[in-house]
Amino acid sequence: MAGGGAYIGWWGQMRGPHQAQTGIVTYQISPFRQRAFAGAFKKGVFNVVRRTTAQAPYIIPPFLIGYSMFKYCKDKYAWYHTKEGAAHAGH
């Protein structure tokens, strides 16, 4: 052996070449947990609709205000580029 100390074995044989290794823990997934998308379409669509309608009062009014401002400014800009708008702006 290169260094002093106890022999711990080769890779995977921590107790020696012919002894069974102890302390091995194995894990497996429960059969009830393996269905990741169980009920996703049956319950998921209604959940999306419920959450969307709950957030609608916070989303729709600012969107309508912003869109109406955009529409007003766009129409006003187009009006200023007409003969009547140019005459009105240059007085």
PDB file of N, CA and C in Angstrom:
ATOM      1  N   MET A   1       0.828  -1.167   0.000  1.00  0.00           N
ATOM      2  CA  MET A   1       0.000   0.000   0.000  1.00  0.00           C
ATOM      3  C   MET A   1       0.877   1.236   0.000  1.00  0.00           C
ATOM      4  N   ALA A   2       0.344   2.284  -0.677  1.00  0.00           N
ATOM      5  CA  ALA A   2       1.138   3.498  -0.794  1.00  0.00           C
ATOM      6  C   ALA A   2       1.237   4.234   0.531  1.00  0.00           C
ATOM      7  N   GLY A   3       0.134   4.457   1.171  1.00  0.00           N
ATOM      8  CA  GLY A   3       0.156   5.189   2.430  1.00  0.00           C
ATOM      9  C   GLY A   3      -0.286   4.289   3.567  1.00  0.00           C
ATOM     10  N   GLY A   4       0.058   4.623   4.761  1.00  0.00           N
ATOM     11  CA  GLY A   4      -0.374   3.827   5.899  1.00  0.00           C
ATOM     12  C   GLY A   4      -1.853   4.006   6.159  1.00  0.00           C
ATOM     13  N   GLY A   5      -2.425   3.093   6.875  1.00  0.00           N
ATOM     14  CA  GLY A   5      -3.847   3.209   7.206  1.00  0.00           C
ATOM     15  C   GLY A   5      -4.565   1.918   6.878  1.00  0.00           C
ATOM     16  N   ALA A   6      -5.841   1.934   7.078  1.00  0.00           N
ATOM     17  CA  ALA A   6      -6.657   0.747   6.852  1.00  0.00           C
ATOM     18  C   ALA A   6      -6.978   0.606   5.370  1.00  0.00           C
ATOM     19  N   TYR A   7      -7.092  -0.626   4.930  1.00  0.00           N
ATOM     20  CA  TYR A   7      -7.456  -0.916   3.556  1.00  0.00           C
ATOM     21  C   TYR A   7      -8.960  -0.730   3.409  1.00  0.00           C
ATOM     22  N   ILE A   8      -9.368   0.165   2.491  1.00  0.00           N
ATOM     23  CA  ILE A   8     -10.794   0.384   2.309  1.00  0.00           C
ATOM     24  C   ILE A   8     -11.309  -0.268   1.034  1.00  0.00           C
ATOM     25  N   GLY A   9     -10.484  -0.897   0.275  1.00  0.00           N
ATOM     26  CA  GLY A   9     -10.935  -1.619  -0.898  1.00  0.00           C
ATOM     27  C   GLY A   9     -10.861  -0.801  -2.172  1.00  0.00           C
ATOM     28  N   TRP A  10     -11.167  -1.485  -3.252  1.00  0.00           N
ATOM     29  CA  TRP A  10     -11.165  -0.860  -4.561  1.00  0.00           C
ATOM     30  C   TRP A  10     -12.514  -0.201  -4.790  1.00  0.00           C
ATOM     31  N   TRP A  11     -12.713   0.492  -5.914  1.00  0.00           N
ATOM     32  CA  TRP A  11     -13.950   1.209  -6.208  1.00  0.00           C
ATOM     33  C   TRP A  11     -15.137   0.273  -6.128  1.00  0.00           C
ATOM     34  N   GLY A  12     -16.115   0.602  -5.287  1.00  0.00           N
ATOM     35  CA  GLY A  12     -17.315  -0.196  -5.146  1.00  0.00           C
ATOM     36  C   GLY A  12     -17.157  -1.382  -4.218  1.00  0.00           C
ATOM     37  N   GLN A  13     -15.976  -1.643  -3.723  1.00  0.00           N
ATOM     38  CA  GLN A  13     -15.744  -2.760  -2.803  1.00  0.00           C
ATOM     39  C   GLN A  13     -15.146  -2.201  -1.524  1.00  0.00           C
ATOM     40  N   MET A  14     -15.922  -1.432  -0.829  1.00  0.00           N
ATOM     41  CA  MET A  14     -15.402  -0.690   0.310  1.00  0.00           C
ATOM     42  C   MET A  14     -15.110  -1.574   1.517  1.00  0.00           C
ATOM     43  N   ARG A  15     -15.599  -2.798   1.558  1.00  0.00           N
ATOM     44  CA  ARG A  15     -15.343  -3.661   2.706  1.00  0.00           C
ATOM     45  C   ARG A  15     -14.445  -4.829   2.338  1.00  0.00           C
ATOM     46  N   GLY A  16     -13.938  -4.818   1.192  1.00  0.00           N
ATOM     47  CA  GLY A  16     -13.090  -5.927   0.776  1.00  0.00           C
ATOM     48  C   GLY A  16     -13.639  -6.566  -0.491  1.00  0.00           C
ATOM     49  N   PRO A  17     -12.879  -7.389  -1.117  1.00  0.00           N
ATOM     50  CA  PRO A  17     -13.280  -7.914  -2.416  1.00  0.00           C
ATOM     51  C   PRO A  17     -14.430  -8.909  -2.377  1.00  0.00           C
ATOM     52  N   HIS A  18     -14.691  -9.596  -1.256  1.00  0.00           N
ATOM     53  CA  HIS A  18     -15.709 -10.641  -1.260  1.00  0.00           C
ATOM     54  C   HIS A  18     -16.829 -10.412  -0.252  1.00  0.00           C
ATOM     55  N   GLN A  19     -16.853  -9.298   0.432  1.00  0.00           N
ATOM     56  CA  GLN A  19     -17.898  -9.047   1.416  1.00  0.00           C
ATOM     57  C   GLN A  19     -18.977  -8.155   0.796  1.00  0.00           C
ATOM     58  N   ALA A  20     -20.185  -8.418   1.214  1.00  0.00           N
ATOM     59  CA  ALA A  20     -21.294  -7.613   0.701  1.00  0.00           C
ATOM     60  C   ALA A  20     -21.247  -6.220   1.323  1.00  0.00           C
ATOM     61  N   GLN A  21     -21.562  -5.234   0.516  1.00  0.00           N
ATOM     62  CA  GLN A  21     -21.538  -3.863   1.007  1.00  0.00           C
ATOM     63  C   GLN A  21     -22.859  -3.573   1.713  1.00  0.00           C
ATOM     64  N   THR A  22     -22.778  -2.869   2.837  1.00  0.00           N
ATOM     65  CA  THR A  22     -23.985  -2.506   3.582  1.00  0.00           C
ATOM     66  C   THR A  22     -24.228  -1.016   3.461  1.00  0.00           C
ATOM     67  N   GLY A  23     -25.414  -0.608   3.820  1.00  0.00           N
ATOM     68  CA  GLY A  23     -25.734   0.819   3.818  1.00  0.00           C
ATOM     69  C   GLY A  23     -26.134   1.342   2.457  1.00  0.00           C
ATOM     70  N   ILE A  24     -26.535   0.496   1.534  1.00  0.00           N
ATOM     71  CA  ILE A  24     -26.978   0.946   0.222  1.00  0.00           C
ATOM     72  C   ILE A  24     -28.459   1.285   0.320  1.00  0.00           C
ATOM     73  N   VAL A  25     -28.804   2.471  -0.110  1.00  0.00           N
ATOM     74  CA  VAL A  25     -30.179   2.915  -0.075  1.00  0.00           C
ATOM     75  C   VAL A  25     -30.677   3.035  -1.511  1.00  0.00           C
ATOM     76  N   THR A  26     -31.803   2.442  -1.798  1.00  0.00           N
ATOM     77  CA  THR A  26     -32.393   2.553  -3.131  1.00  0.00           C
ATOM     78  C   THR A  26     -33.705   3.314  -3.015  1.00  0.00           C
ATOM     79  N   TYR A  27     -34.025   4.052  -4.058  1.00  0.00           N
ATOM     80  CA  TYR A  27     -35.245   4.841  -4.103  1.00  0.00           C
ATOM     81  C   TYR A  27     -36.044   4.452  -5.331  1.00  0.00           C
ATOM     82  N   GLN A  28     -37.348   4.546  -5.216  1.00  0.00           N
ATOM     83  CA  GLN A  28     -38.199   4.340  -6.376  1.00  0.00           C
ATOM     84  C   GLN A  28     -39.395   5.271  -6.266  1.00  0.00           C
ATOM     85  N   ILE A  29     -39.990   5.552  -7.394  1.00  0.00           N
ATOM     86  CA  ILE A  29     -41.134   6.448  -7.430  1.00  0.00           C
ATOM     87  C   ILE A  29     -42.400   5.644  -7.210  1.00  0.00           C
ATOM     88  N   SER A  30     -43.282   6.186  -6.416  1.00  0.00           N
ATOM     89  CA  SER A  30     -44.563   5.540  -6.171  1.00  0.00           C
ATOM     90  C   SER A  30     -45.352   5.460  -7.471  1.00  0.00           C
ATOM     91  N   PRO A  31     -46.084   4.397  -7.710  1.00  0.00           N
ATOM     92  CA  PRO A  31     -46.891   4.311  -8.926  1.00  0.00           C
ATOM     93  C   PRO A  31     -47.949   5.410  -9.014  1.00  0.00           C
ATOM     94  N   PHE A  32     -48.331   5.966  -7.877  1.00  0.00           N
ATOM     95  CA  PHE A  32     -49.323   7.036  -7.880  1.00  0.00           C
ATOM     96  C   PHE A  32     -48.708   8.374  -8.284  1.00  0.00           C
ATOM     97  N   ARG A  33     -47.396   8.495  -8.182  1.00  0.00           N
ATOM     98  CA  ARG A  33     -46.709   9.734  -8.537  1.00  0.00           C
ATOM     99  C   ARG A  33     -46.170   9.716  -9.963  1.00  0.00           C
ATOM    100  N   GLN A  34     -46.273   8.629 -10.668  1.00  0.00           N
ATOM    101  CA  GLN A  34     -45.668   8.522 -11.991  1.00  0.00           C
ATOM    102  C   GLN A  34     -46.517   9.179 -13.074  1.00  0.00           C
ATOM    103  N   ARG A  35     -47.773   9.435 -12.820  1.00  0.00           N
ATOM    104  CA  ARG A  35     -48.629  10.053 -13.814  1.00  0.00           C
ATOM    105  C   ARG A  35     -48.541  11.568 -13.663  1.00  0.00           C
ATOM    106  N   ALA A  36     -47.582  12.171 -14.324  1.00  0.00           N
ATOM    107  CA  ALA A  36     -47.323  13.594 -14.142  1.00  0.00           C
ATOM    108  C   ALA A  36     -48.456  14.466 -14.677  1.00  0.00           C
ATOM    109  N   PHE A  37     -49.104  14.056 -15.752  1.00  0.00           N
ATOM    110  CA  PHE A  37     -50.152  14.863 -16.355  1.00  0.00           C
ATOM    111  C   PHE A  37     -51.538  14.296 -16.104  1.00  0.00           C
ATOM    112  N   ALA A  38     -51.702  13.553 -15.038  1.00  0.00           N
ATOM    113  CA  ALA A  38     -53.015  12.989 -14.721  1.00  0.00           C
ATOM    114  C   ALA A  38     -53.973  14.120 -14.375  1.00  0.00           C
ATOM    115  N   GLY A  39     -55.038  14.248 -15.128  1.00  0.00           N
ATOM    116  CA  GLY A  39     -56.033  15.282 -14.895  1.00  0.00           C
ATOM    117  C   GLY A  39     -55.639  16.656 -15.374  1.00  0.00           C
ATOM    118  N   ALA A  40     -54.561  16.771 -16.159  1.00  0.00           N
ATOM    119  CA  ALA A  40     -54.095  18.085 -16.602  1.00  0.00           C
ATOM    120  C   ALA A  40     -55.104  18.735 -17.542  1.00  0.00           C
ATOM    121  N   PHE A  41     -55.690  17.963 -18.423  1.00  0.00           N
ATOM    122  CA  PHE A  41     -56.650  18.536 -19.360  1.00  0.00           C
ATOM    123  C   PHE A  41     -58.042  18.625 -18.750  1.00  0.00           C
ATOM    124  N   LYS A  42     -58.351  17.716 -17.860  1.00  0.00           N
ATOM    125  CA  LYS A  42     -59.675  17.708 -17.247  1.00  0.00           C
ATOM    126  C   LYS A  42     -59.812  18.856 -16.239  1.00  0.00           C
ATOM    127  N   LYS A  43     -58.799  19.089 -15.436  1.00  0.00           N
ATOM    128  CA  LYS A  43     -58.863  20.117 -14.406  1.00  0.00           C
ATOM    129  C   LYS A  43     -58.086  21.372 -14.788  1.00  0.00           C
ATOM    130  N   GLY A  44     -57.078  21.235 -15.631  1.00  0.00           N
ATOM    131  CA  GLY A  44     -56.202  22.356 -15.954  1.00  0.00           C
ATOM    132  C   GLY A  44     -56.885  23.457 -16.726  1.00  0.00           C
ATOM    133  N   VAL A  45     -57.746  23.099 -17.664  1.00  0.00           N
ATOM    134  CA  VAL A  45     -58.416  24.114 -18.473  1.00  0.00           C
ATOM    135  C   VAL A  45     -59.314  24.984 -17.591  1.00  0.00           C
ATOM    136  N   PHE A  46     -60.056  24.375 -16.704  1.00  0.00           N
ATOM    137  CA  PHE A  46     -60.937  25.144 -15.828  1.00  0.00           C
ATOM    138  C   PHE A  46     -60.140  26.002 -14.847  1.00  0.00           C
ATOM    139  N   ASN A  47     -58.981  25.507 -14.428  1.00  0.00           N
ATOM    140  CA  ASN A  47     -58.142  26.284 -13.525  1.00  0.00           C
ATOM    141  C   ASN A  47     -57.582  27.518 -14.240  1.00  0.00           C
ATOM    142  N   VAL A  48     -57.199  27.367 -15.500  1.00  0.00           N
ATOM    143  CA  VAL A  48     -56.694  28.507 -16.269  1.00  0.00           C
ATOM    144  C   VAL A  48     -57.791  29.547 -16.461  1.00  0.00           C
ATOM    145  N   VAL A  49     -59.003  29.093 -16.775  1.00  0.00           N
ATOM    146  CA  VAL A  49     -60.120  30.022 -16.960  1.00  0.00           C
ATOM    147  C   VAL A  49     -60.428  30.746 -15.653  1.00  0.00           C
ATOM    148  N   ARG A  50     -60.441  30.040 -14.550  1.00  0.00           N
ATOM    149  CA  ARG A  50     -60.731  30.653 -13.250  1.00  0.00           C
ATOM    150  C   ARG A  50     -59.678  31.692 -12.879  1.00  0.00           C
ATOM    151  N   ARG A  51     -58.407  31.368 -13.098  1.00  0.00           N
ATOM    152  CA  ARG A  51     -57.345  32.315 -12.743  1.00  0.00           C
ATOM    153  C   ARG A  51     -57.337  33.522 -13.675  1.00  0.00           C
ATOM    154  N   THR A  52     -57.645  33.299 -14.945  1.00  0.00           N
ATOM    155  CA  THR A  52     -57.677  34.403 -15.898  1.00  0.00           C
ATOM    156  C   THR A  52     -58.810  35.364 -15.574  1.00  0.00           C
ATOM    157  N   THR A  53     -59.986  34.833 -15.276  1.00  0.00           N
ATOM    158  CA  THR A  53     -61.095  35.716 -14.927  1.00  0.00           C
ATOM    159  C   THR A  53     -60.849  36.438 -13.604  1.00  0.00           C
ATOM    160  N   ALA A  54     -60.087  35.844 -12.716  1.00  0.00           N
ATOM    161  CA  ALA A  54     -59.768  36.519 -11.455  1.00  0.00           C
ATOM    162  C   ALA A  54     -58.811  37.693 -11.675  1.00  0.00           C
ATOM    163  N   GLN A  55     -57.943  37.605 -12.697  1.00  0.00           N
ATOM    164  CA  GLN A  55     -56.978  38.669 -12.970  1.00  0.00           C
ATOM    165  C   GLN A  55     -57.490  39.690 -13.978  1.00  0.00           C
ATOM    166  N   ALA A  56     -58.619  39.425 -14.621  1.00  0.00           N
ATOM    167  CA  ALA A  56     -59.148  40.317 -15.655  1.00  0.00           C
ATOM    168  C   ALA A  56     -59.391  41.747 -15.160  1.00  0.00           C
ATOM    169  N   PRO A  57     -59.939  41.981 -13.963  1.00  0.00           N
ATOM    170  CA  PRO A  57     -60.132  43.368 -13.527  1.00  0.00           C
ATOM    171  C   PRO A  57     -58.833  44.162 -13.378  1.00  0.00           C
ATOM    172  N   TYR A  58     -57.727  43.485 -13.219  1.00  0.00           N
ATOM    173  CA  TYR A  58     -56.438  44.171 -13.081  1.00  0.00           C
ATOM    174  C   TYR A  58     -55.744  44.366 -14.422  1.00  0.00           C
ATOM    175  N   ILE A  59     -56.157  43.627 -15.446  1.00  0.00           N
ATOM    176  CA  ILE A  59     -55.483  43.666 -16.742  1.00  0.00           C
ATOM    177  C   ILE A  59     -56.269  44.487 -17.764  1.00  0.00           C
ATOM    178  N   ILE A  60     -57.577  44.313 -17.833  1.00  0.00           N
ATOM    179  CA  ILE A  60     -58.378  44.899 -18.905  1.00  0.00           C
ATOM    180  C   ILE A  60     -58.465  46.431 -18.818  1.00  0.00           C
ATOM    181  N   PRO A  61     -58.764  47.054 -17.657  1.00  0.00           N
ATOM    182  CA  PRO A  61     -58.851  48.530 -17.645  1.00  0.00           C
ATOM    183  C   PRO A  61     -57.552  49.239 -18.057  1.00  0.00           C
ATOM    184  N   PRO A  62     -56.374  48.848 -17.551  1.00  0.00           N
ATOM    185  CA  PRO A  62     -55.169  49.525 -18.037  1.00  0.00           C
ATOM    186  C   PRO A  62     -54.927  49.307 -19.528  1.00  0.00           C
ATOM    187  N   PHE A  63     -55.268  48.119 -20.020  1.00  0.00           N
ATOM    188  CA  PHE A  63     -55.112  47.853 -21.447  1.00  0.00           C
ATOM    189  C   PHE A  63     -56.034  48.757 -22.265  1.00  0.00           C
ATOM    190  N   LEU A  64     -57.293  48.908 -21.833  1.00  0.00           N
ATOM    191  CA  LEU A  64     -58.236  49.762 -22.561  1.00  0.00           C
ATOM    192  C   LEU A  64     -57.812  51.227 -22.522  1.00  0.00           C
ATOM    193  N   ILE A  65     -57.326  51.687 -21.380  1.00  0.00           N
ATOM    194  CA  ILE A  65     -56.852  53.066 -21.285  1.00  0.00           C
ATOM    195  C   ILE A  65     -55.654  53.285 -22.200  1.00  0.00           C
ATOM    196  N   GLY A  66     -54.713  52.361 -22.173  1.00  0.00           N
ATOM    197  CA  GLY A  66     -53.537  52.486 -23.036  1.00  0.00           C
ATOM    198  C   GLY A  66     -53.883  52.428 -24.508  1.00  0.00           C
ATOM    199  N   TYR A  67     -54.811  51.534 -24.869  1.00  0.00           N
ATOM    200  CA  TYR A  67     -55.198  51.427 -26.278  1.00  0.00           C
ATOM    201  C   TYR A  67     -55.953  52.667 -26.740  1.00  0.00           C
ATOM    202  N   SER A  68     -56.813  53.198 -25.879  1.00  0.00           N
ATOM    203  CA  SER A  68     -57.549  54.401 -26.274  1.00  0.00           C
ATOM    204  C   SER A  68     -56.603  55.599 -26.425  1.00  0.00           C
ATOM    205  N   MET A  69     -55.602  55.713 -25.578  1.00  0.00           N
ATOM    206  CA  MET A  69     -54.600  56.773 -25.728  1.00  0.00           C
ATOM    207  C   MET A  69     -53.820  56.600 -27.023  1.00  0.00           C
ATOM    208  N   PHE A  70     -53.436  55.369 -27.326  1.00  0.00           N
ATOM    209  CA  PHE A  70     -52.705  55.089 -28.563  1.00  0.00           C
ATOM    210  C   PHE A  70     -53.548  55.454 -29.777  1.00  0.00           C
ATOM    211  N   LYS A  71     -54.820  55.061 -29.769  1.00  0.00           N
ATOM    212  CA  LYS A  71     -55.717  55.328 -30.893  1.00  0.00           C
ATOM    213  C   LYS A  71     -55.924  56.830 -31.060  1.00  0.00           C
ATOM    214  N   TYR A  72     -56.137  57.549 -29.956  1.00  0.00           N
ATOM    215  CA  TYR A  72     -56.331  58.999 -30.019  1.00  0.00           C
ATOM    216  C   TYR A  72     -55.093  59.688 -30.602  1.00  0.00           C
ATOM    217  N   CYS A  73     -53.918  59.322 -30.111  1.00  0.00           N
ATOM    218  CA  CYS A  73     -52.681  59.951 -30.587  1.00  0.00           C
ATOM    219  C   CYS A  73     -52.406  59.610 -32.042  1.00  0.00           C
ATOM    220  N   LYS A  74     -52.696  58.405 -32.440  1.00  0.00           N
ATOM    221  CA  LYS A  74     -52.496  58.000 -33.830  1.00  0.00           C
ATOM    222  C   LYS A  74     -53.428  58.781 -34.753  1.00  0.00           C
ATOM    223  N   ASP A  75     -54.688  58.934 -34.356  1.00  0.00           N
ATOM    224  CA  ASP A  75     -55.633  59.698 -35.163  1.00  0.00           C
ATOM    225  C   ASP A  75     -55.258  61.179 -35.208  1.00  0.00           C
ATOM    226  N   LYS A  76     -54.821  61.713 -34.084  1.00  0.00           N
ATOM    227  CA  LYS A  76     -54.406  63.122 -34.021  1.00  0.00           C
ATOM    228  C   LYS A  76     -53.178  63.359 -34.903  1.00  0.00           C
ATOM    229  N   TYR A  77     -52.245  62.430 -34.871  1.00  0.00           N
ATOM    230  CA  TYR A  77     -51.051  62.528 -35.717  1.00  0.00           C
ATOM    231  C   TYR A  77     -51.431  62.487 -37.188  1.00  0.00           C
ATOM    232  N   ALA A  78     -52.357  61.593 -37.548  1.00  0.00           N
ATOM    233  CA  ALA A  78     -52.810  61.521 -38.944  1.00  0.00           C
ATOM    234  C   ALA A  78     -53.552  62.800 -39.333  1.00  0.00           C
ATOM    235  N   TRP A  79     -54.313  63.387 -38.406  1.00  0.00           N
ATOM    236  CA  TRP A  79     -55.040  64.621 -38.701  1.00  0.00           C
ATOM    237  C   TRP A  79     -54.082  65.791 -38.937  1.00  0.00           C
ATOM    238  N   TYR A  80     -53.004  65.844 -38.153  1.00  0.00           N
ATOM    239  CA  TYR A  80     -52.028  66.914 -38.350  1.00  0.00           C
ATOM    240  C   TYR A  80     -51.337  66.827 -39.705  1.00  0.00           C
ATOM    241  N   HIS A  81     -51.352  65.674 -40.334  1.00  0.00           N
ATOM    242  CA  HIS A  81     -50.727  65.511 -41.646  1.00  0.00           C
ATOM    243  C   HIS A  81     -51.737  65.652 -42.785  1.00  0.00           C
ATOM    244  N   THR A  82     -52.904  66.229 -42.487  1.00  0.00           N
ATOM    245  CA  THR A  82     -53.859  66.591 -43.526  1.00  0.00           C
ATOM    246  C   THR A  82     -53.762  68.101 -43.760  1.00  0.00           C
ATOM    247  N   LYS A  83     -54.437  68.561 -44.812  1.00  0.00           N
ATOM    248  CA  LYS A  83     -54.406  69.993 -45.115  1.00  0.00           C
ATOM    249  C   LYS A  83     -55.054  70.807 -43.994  1.00  0.00           C
ATOM    250  N   GLU A  84     -56.167  70.310 -43.479  1.00  0.00           N
ATOM    251  CA  GLU A  84     -56.857  71.030 -42.410  1.00  0.00           C
ATOM    252  C   GLU A  84     -56.025  71.048 -41.119  1.00  0.00           C
ATOM    253  N   GLY A  85     -55.411  69.922 -40.784  1.00  0.00           N
ATOM    254  CA  GLY A  85     -54.594  69.850 -39.566  1.00  0.00           C
ATOM    255  C   GLY A  85     -53.351  70.722 -39.668  1.00  0.00           C
ATOM    256  N   ALA A  86     -52.728  70.760 -40.849  1.00  0.00           N
ATOM    257  CA  ALA A  86     -51.538  71.593 -41.025  1.00  0.00           C
ATOM    258  C   ALA A  86     -51.896  73.049 -40.918  1.00  0.00           C
ATOM    259  N   ALA A  87     -53.075  73.447 -41.457  1.00  0.00           N
ATOM    260  CA  ALA A  87     -53.496  74.835 -41.355  1.00  0.00           C
ATOM    261  C   ALA A  87     -53.810  75.206 -39.909  1.00  0.00           C
ATOM    262  N   HIS A  88     -54.369  74.276 -39.184  1.00  0.00           N
ATOM    263  CA  HIS A  88     -54.729  74.519 -37.783  1.00  0.00           C
ATOM    264  C   HIS A  88     -53.481  74.609 -36.907  1.00  0.00           C
ATOM    265  N   ALA A  89     -52.492  73.771 -37.173  1.00  0.00           N
ATOM    266  CA  ALA A  89     -51.289  73.747 -36.355  1.00  0.00           C
ATOM    267  C   ALA A  89     -50.373  74.927 -36.625  1.00  0.00           C
ATOM    268  N   GLY A  90     -50.466  75.524 -37.834  1.00  0.00           N
ATOM    269  CA  GLY A  90     -49.527  76.595 -38.182  1.00  0.00           C
ATOM    270  C   GLY A  90     -50.075  77.977 -37.968  1.00  0.00           C
ATOM    271  N   HIS A  91     -51.127  78.165 -37.194  1.00  0.00           N
ATOM    272  CA  HIS A  91     -51.717  79.498 -37.011  1.00  0.00           C
ATOM    273  C   HIS A  91     -50.954  80.349 -36.112  1.00  0.00           C
TER     274      HIS A  91
END
